[in-house]
Protein backbone atom coordinates (compact mmCIF):
# COMPACT_ATOMS: atom_id res chain seq x y z
CA UNK A 1 0.00 0.00 0.00
CA UNK A 2 2.85 2.37 0.83
CA UNK A 3 4.39 1.66 -2.57
CA UNK A 4 1.06 2.35 -4.29
CA UNK A 5 0.72 5.65 -2.38
CA UNK A 6 4.24 6.59 -3.47
CA UNK A 7 3.41 5.81 -7.09
CA UNK A 8 0.17 7.78 -6.81
CA UNK A 9 2.32 10.84 -6.10
CA UNK A 10 5.42 10.06 -8.18
CA UNK A 11 3.77 9.29 -11.51
CA UNK A 12 1.66 12.50 -11.75
CA UNK A 13 4.70 14.49 -10.58
CA UNK A 14 6.82 12.89 -13.30
CA UNK A 15 4.25 13.69 -16.00
CA UNK A 16 3.85 17.25 -14.70
CA UNK A 17 7.59 17.97 -14.83
CA UNK A 18 7.88 16.41 -18.30
CA UNK A 19 5.05 18.66 -19.48
CA UNK A 20 6.64 21.75 -17.89
CA UNK A 21 10.00 20.91 -19.47
CA UNK A 22 8.38 20.50 -22.88
CA UNK A 23 6.50 23.80 -22.59
CA UNK A 24 9.71 25.54 -21.52
CA UNK A 25 11.49 24.02 -24.51
CA UNK A 26 8.73 25.27 -26.82
CA UNK A 27 8.92 28.77 -25.33
CA UNK A 28 12.69 28.81 -25.92
CA UNK A 29 12.27 27.42 -29.44
CA UNK A 30 13.94 24.14 -28.44
CA UNK A 31 11.04 21.77 -29.07
CA UNK A 32 13.40 19.74 -31.26
CA UNK A 33 14.91 18.38 -28.03
CA UNK A 34 11.82 16.14 -27.87
CA UNK A 35 11.31 13.47 -30.54
CA UNK A 36 7.85 11.93 -30.36
CA UNK A 37 8.69 8.26 -31.05
CA UNK A 38 11.70 8.36 -28.74
CA UNK A 39 9.82 10.05 -25.90
CA UNK A 40 6.98 7.53 -26.14
CA UNK A 41 9.55 4.73 -26.08
CA UNK A 42 11.22 6.21 -22.98
CA UNK A 43 7.95 6.52 -21.08
CA UNK A 44 6.74 3.06 -22.16
CA UNK A 45 9.89 1.44 -20.75
CA UNK A 46 9.40 3.41 -17.53
CA UNK A 47 5.75 2.29 -17.23
CA UNK A 48 6.75 -1.37 -17.55
CA UNK A 49 9.48 -1.02 -14.92
CA UNK A 50 7.22 0.83 -12.46
CA UNK A 51 4.40 -1.73 -12.78
CA UNK A 52 6.72 -4.68 -12.28
CA UNK A 53 8.46 -2.85 -9.44
CA UNK A 54 5.18 -2.86 -7.51
CA UNK A 55 5.83 -6.56 -6.92
CA UNK A 56 9.58 -6.25 -6.42
CA UNK A 57 10.16 -3.22 -4.15
CA UNK A 58 8.59 -4.77 -1.04
CA UNK A 59 10.65 -7.93 -1.52
CA UNK A 60 13.82 -5.87 -1.59
CA UNK A 61 12.88 -4.12 1.64
CA UNK A 62 12.48 -7.57 3.20
CA UNK A 63 15.90 -8.50 1.81
CA UNK A 64 17.45 -5.30 3.22
CA UNK A 65 15.87 -6.07 6.58
CA UNK A 66 17.12 -9.68 6.52
CA UNK A 67 20.68 -8.58 5.72
CA UNK A 68 20.49 -5.92 8.44
CA UNK A 69 19.12 -8.29 11.10
CA UNK A 70 21.55 -11.15 10.42
CA UNK A 71 24.72 -9.74 8.86
CA UNK A 72 25.14 -6.03 9.76
CA UNK A 73 28.82 -5.33 10.33
CA UNK A 74 28.31 -2.26 12.54
CA UNK A 75 25.63 -0.97 14.90
CA UNK A 76 25.01 2.44 13.34
CA UNK A 77 22.74 4.76 15.39
CA UNK A 78 19.95 6.98 14.06
CA UNK A 79 21.65 10.36 14.42
CA UNK A 80 21.76 13.42 12.15
CA UNK A 81 25.34 12.79 11.07
CA UNK A 82 24.44 9.25 10.03
CA UNK A 83 22.17 10.66 7.32
CA UNK A 84 25.13 12.57 5.87
CA UNK A 85 27.24 9.44 6.00
CA UNK A 86 24.45 7.41 4.40
CA UNK A 87 23.96 9.71 1.39
CA UNK A 88 27.72 9.60 0.77
CA UNK A 89 27.76 5.80 1.12
CA UNK A 90 24.75 5.49 -1.18
CA UNK A 91 26.40 7.56 -3.88
CA UNK A 92 29.63 5.57 -3.49
CA UNK A 93 27.77 2.28 -3.98
CA UNK A 94 25.97 3.83 -6.94
CA UNK A 95 29.27 4.89 -8.52
CA UNK A 96 30.59 1.33 -8.55
CA UNK A 97 27.27 -0.22 -9.54
CA UNK A 98 27.07 2.30 -12.40
CA UNK A 99 30.70 1.93 -13.48
CA UNK A 100 30.53 -1.86 -13.48
CA UNK A 101 27.29 -1.55 -15.44
CA UNK A 102 29.39 0.00 -18.22
CA UNK A 103 32.40 -2.29 -17.91
CA UNK A 104 30.86 -5.79 -17.62
CA UNK A 105 28.85 -7.21 -20.52
CA UNK A 106 26.03 -8.92 -18.64
CA UNK A 107 25.54 -5.80 -16.48
CA UNK A 108 25.72 -3.53 -19.54
CA UNK A 109 22.97 -5.63 -21.14
CA UNK A 110 20.60 -4.34 -18.43
CA UNK A 111 21.92 -0.79 -18.37
CA UNK A 112 22.32 -0.19 -22.11
CA UNK A 113 18.58 0.52 -22.45
CA UNK A 114 19.02 3.71 -20.42
CA UNK A 115 21.58 4.96 -22.96
CA UNK A 116 19.77 4.06 -26.17
CA UNK A 117 17.83 7.31 -26.43
CA UNK A 118 19.36 9.88 -28.77
CA UNK A 119 17.54 12.67 -26.99
CA UNK A 120 18.30 13.97 -23.51
CA UNK A 121 15.32 15.20 -21.52
CA UNK A 122 13.32 14.20 -18.46
CA UNK A 123 11.62 11.31 -20.28
CA UNK A 124 15.04 9.59 -20.46
CA UNK A 125 15.08 9.31 -16.65
CA UNK A 126 12.18 6.84 -16.95
CA UNK A 127 14.19 4.60 -19.25
CA UNK A 128 15.06 2.01 -16.58
CA UNK A 129 14.41 -1.72 -17.02
CA UNK A 130 13.31 -4.18 -14.37
CA UNK A 131 16.57 -6.06 -14.95
CA UNK A 132 18.50 -2.93 -14.02
CA UNK A 133 16.29 -2.37 -10.96
CA UNK A 134 16.98 -5.92 -9.77
CA UNK A 135 20.74 -5.61 -10.21
CA UNK A 136 20.74 -2.21 -8.54
CA UNK A 137 18.80 -3.64 -5.58
CA UNK A 138 21.47 -6.28 -5.03
CA UNK A 139 24.14 -3.57 -4.87
CA UNK A 140 22.04 -1.59 -2.37
CA UNK A 141 22.30 -4.57 0.03
CA UNK A 142 25.77 -3.23 0.85
CA UNK A 143 24.11 -0.44 2.88
CA UNK A 144 22.21 -2.61 5.43
CA UNK A 145 25.25 -4.90 5.45
CA UNK A 146 27.29 -1.96 6.74
CA UNK A 147 24.66 -1.39 9.45
CA UNK A 148 22.36 1.31 8.08
CA UNK A 149 18.74 0.67 9.07
CA UNK A 150 16.54 -0.44 6.13
CA UNK A 151 14.06 2.40 6.73
CA UNK A 152 16.86 4.95 6.49
CA UNK A 153 18.16 3.24 3.37
CA UNK A 154 14.70 3.38 1.75
CA UNK A 155 14.32 7.10 2.49
CA UNK A 156 17.76 7.94 1.10
CA UNK A 157 17.20 5.83 -2.02
CA UNK A 158 14.00 7.79 -2.68
CA UNK A 159 15.85 11.12 -2.32
CA UNK A 160 18.78 9.82 -4.36
CA UNK A 161 16.47 8.70 -7.17
CA UNK A 162 14.51 11.96 -7.14
CA UNK A 163 17.70 13.99 -7.54
CA UNK A 164 18.86 11.98 -10.55
CA UNK A 165 15.52 12.59 -12.27
CA UNK A 166 16.32 16.32 -12.56
CA UNK A 167 19.79 15.72 -14.05
CA UNK A 168 18.22 14.45 -17.30
CA UNK A 169 17.52 17.76 -19.00
CA UNK A 170 19.10 20.27 -21.37
CA UNK A 171 16.96 23.12 -20.09
CA UNK A 172 19.45 23.77 -17.28
CA UNK A 173 22.87 24.89 -18.43
CA UNK A 174 26.21 24.77 -16.69
CA UNK A 175 26.11 25.66 -12.99
CA UNK A 176 29.60 26.98 -12.38
CA UNK A 177 31.28 26.08 -9.11
CA UNK A 178 28.47 23.66 -8.17
CA UNK A 179 29.88 21.28 -10.76
CA UNK A 180 32.88 20.76 -8.48
CA UNK A 181 30.53 19.19 -5.91
CA UNK A 182 27.30 17.99 -7.54
CA UNK A 183 26.44 16.03 -10.66
CA UNK A 184 24.53 18.61 -12.70
CA UNK A 185 22.46 18.14 -15.90
CA UNK A 186 25.48 19.28 -17.90
CA UNK A 187 27.76 16.70 -16.25
CA UNK A 188 25.22 13.91 -16.59
CA UNK A 189 24.66 14.87 -20.21
CA UNK A 190 28.35 14.15 -20.73
CA UNK A 191 27.74 10.67 -19.32
CA UNK A 192 24.97 10.08 -21.89
CA UNK A 193 27.17 11.22 -24.78
CA UNK A 194 28.67 8.95 -27.44
CA UNK A 195 31.59 11.28 -28.24
CA UNK A 196 34.95 9.57 -27.67
CA UNK A 197 36.20 12.15 -25.15
CA UNK A 198 33.01 11.73 -23.09
CA UNK A 199 32.83 7.92 -23.00
CA UNK A 200 32.86 6.28 -19.57
CA UNK A 201 32.76 9.55 -17.63
CA UNK A 202 30.73 10.96 -14.71
CA UNK A 203 29.34 7.81 -13.10
CA UNK A 204 28.31 9.59 -9.90
CA UNK A 205 24.61 10.24 -9.32
CA UNK A 206 24.68 13.13 -6.82
CA UNK A 207 28.31 13.98 -6.03
CA UNK A 208 31.40 14.42 -8.22
CA UNK A 209 33.78 13.20 -5.48
CA UNK A 210 34.06 9.62 -6.71
CA UNK A 211 34.61 10.53 -10.36
CA UNK A 212 37.40 12.88 -9.37
CA UNK A 213 38.88 10.28 -7.03
CA UNK A 214 38.87 7.48 -9.62
CA UNK A 215 39.72 9.54 -12.72
CA UNK A 216 36.36 9.50 -14.53
CA UNK A 217 35.38 13.17 -14.17
CA UNK A 218 34.79 15.22 -17.32
CA UNK A 219 33.20 18.66 -17.75
CA UNK A 220 31.10 19.46 -20.80
CA UNK A 221 33.12 21.18 -23.49
CA UNK A 222 31.73 20.53 -26.98
CA UNK A 223 27.98 19.92 -27.22
CA UNK A 224 27.41 16.19 -26.60
CA UNK A 225 26.00 13.76 -29.13
CA UNK A 226 23.58 11.63 -27.13
CA UNK A 227 22.98 7.90 -27.45
CA UNK A 228 25.09 4.83 -28.16
CA UNK A 229 28.29 4.74 -30.19
CA UNK A 230 26.48 2.18 -32.37
CA UNK A 231 22.82 3.30 -32.31
CA UNK A 232 20.05 0.71 -32.40
CA UNK A 233 17.71 0.89 -35.38
CA UNK A 234 14.36 0.19 -33.78
CA UNK A 235 11.90 1.51 -31.19
CA UNK A 236 10.67 -2.03 -30.60
CA UNK A 237 10.07 -2.56 -26.88
CA UNK A 238 11.38 -6.14 -27.00
CA UNK A 239 14.38 -5.35 -29.20
CA UNK A 240 15.45 -2.47 -26.96
CA UNK A 241 15.29 -4.73 -23.90
CA UNK A 242 16.89 -7.90 -25.27
CA UNK A 243 19.15 -7.07 -28.22
CA UNK A 244 22.32 -6.95 -26.13
CA UNK A 245 21.52 -10.26 -24.41
CA UNK A 246 21.19 -11.73 -27.91
CA UNK A 247 24.52 -10.18 -28.84
CA UNK A 248 26.19 -11.82 -25.83
CA UNK A 249 24.63 -15.18 -26.73
CA UNK A 250 25.79 -14.84 -30.33
CA UNK A 251 29.30 -13.89 -29.17
CA UNK A 252 29.36 -16.97 -26.91
CA UNK A 253 28.22 -19.16 -29.82
CA UNK A 254 31.12 -17.85 -31.87
CA UNK A 255 33.61 -18.53 -29.07
CA UNK A 256 35.12 -21.92 -28.24
CA UNK A 257 35.91 -23.05 -24.73
CA UNK A 258 34.00 -22.49 -21.49
CA UNK A 259 36.56 -20.08 -20.06
CA UNK A 260 36.45 -17.96 -23.22
CA UNK A 261 32.67 -17.84 -23.09
CA UNK A 262 32.93 -16.60 -19.49
CA UNK A 263 35.28 -13.89 -20.74
CA UNK A 264 32.55 -12.78 -23.12
CA UNK A 265 29.89 -12.67 -20.39
CA UNK A 266 32.07 -10.90 -17.84
CA UNK A 267 34.26 -9.03 -20.29
CA UNK A 268 34.17 -5.45 -21.51
CA UNK A 269 31.49 -4.26 -23.96
CA UNK A 270 34.29 -2.53 -25.89
CA UNK A 271 35.70 -5.96 -26.81
CA UNK A 272 32.46 -7.44 -28.15
CA UNK A 273 32.48 -8.02 -31.92
CA UNK A 274 30.87 -4.99 -33.54
CA UNK A 275 29.63 -6.98 -36.53
CA UNK A 276 27.25 -9.02 -34.36
CA UNK A 277 24.47 -6.45 -34.05
CA UNK A 278 24.06 -5.87 -37.82
CA UNK A 279 23.76 -9.66 -38.25
CA UNK A 280 21.07 -9.84 -35.57
CA UNK A 281 19.28 -6.82 -37.01
CA UNK A 282 19.00 -8.56 -40.36
CA UNK A 283 17.79 -11.70 -38.62
CA UNK A 284 15.19 -10.20 -36.28
CA UNK A 285 14.14 -6.75 -37.47
CA UNK A 286 11.71 -6.03 -40.25
CA UNK A 287 13.43 -3.75 -42.71
CA UNK A 288 10.72 -1.50 -43.98
CA UNK A 289 10.74 2.17 -44.88
CA UNK A 290 9.92 4.26 -41.82
CA UNK A 291 6.71 6.26 -42.00
CA UNK A 292 6.02 9.13 -39.60
CA UNK A 293 3.28 8.45 -37.06
CA UNK A 294 -0.03 9.84 -38.28
CA UNK A 295 -2.23 12.07 -36.17
CA UNK A 296 -4.80 9.34 -35.38
CA UNK A 297 -2.07 6.93 -34.33
CA UNK A 298 -0.45 9.58 -32.11
CA UNK A 299 -3.81 10.27 -30.47
CA UNK A 300 -4.30 6.58 -29.78
CA UNK A 301 -0.81 6.25 -28.29
CA UNK A 302 -1.27 9.34 -26.13
CA UNK A 303 -4.53 8.03 -24.69
């Protein structure tokens, strides 16, 4: 019930801010920052994740509580300074979850969906799959393991997630000295870029500390080109979710030896054969001339 109440607030708030961002873009003659098919795709993926998460979120709280009750390493009190420590710990865990999500193939298969969009606006923040939510939840178990109470963890994760929502926009420019402390929309836009100089940068979600500490910090210089280095060629819901899993399977089929197959699964996405996706696209996608969505179809989709 608590999750449903949260969704009853979060979903209208999400739609309201998306609408406000779009109207602001129109007023500034930047409506081109929104592409209809892409925005619908982003929101559709978010709807699927939120609906499935109704059945998953409570289970993860139970898991957090179990880890806390049986394996907590420290007895951390509920004091004001603990909240400061917890937000820092949360962002640190996020950094490594996020970085590994870009560096390990089977983790990238879940996270790649978030980077497929070639636009960068608030709708992209919804582009999270259930697979990614499950993997992320496992990483969050590190917090109750350290000794943070599950209720505190849940509150901070809500705040942490809300902050990252507002970093997916081009309507806020560079923020000067704040970029030395906080991940801003400009810095997170760099993370979503496919330009060589911007690849694998700015993994932090709230703070820049970890990127600076581990050498992955990059300020925006040239205007980013958003999306993947090898863009996908379909807005198909299923293709967007599963194409990279199929690529891993195909790479394993092409590789001899169990240990070498493990290297594919746990290896770097940069080392995966780049000719695999075109082969799979010819095998699975229907190659027809694209036609713009007509007004009646758009009305149906909107409803």
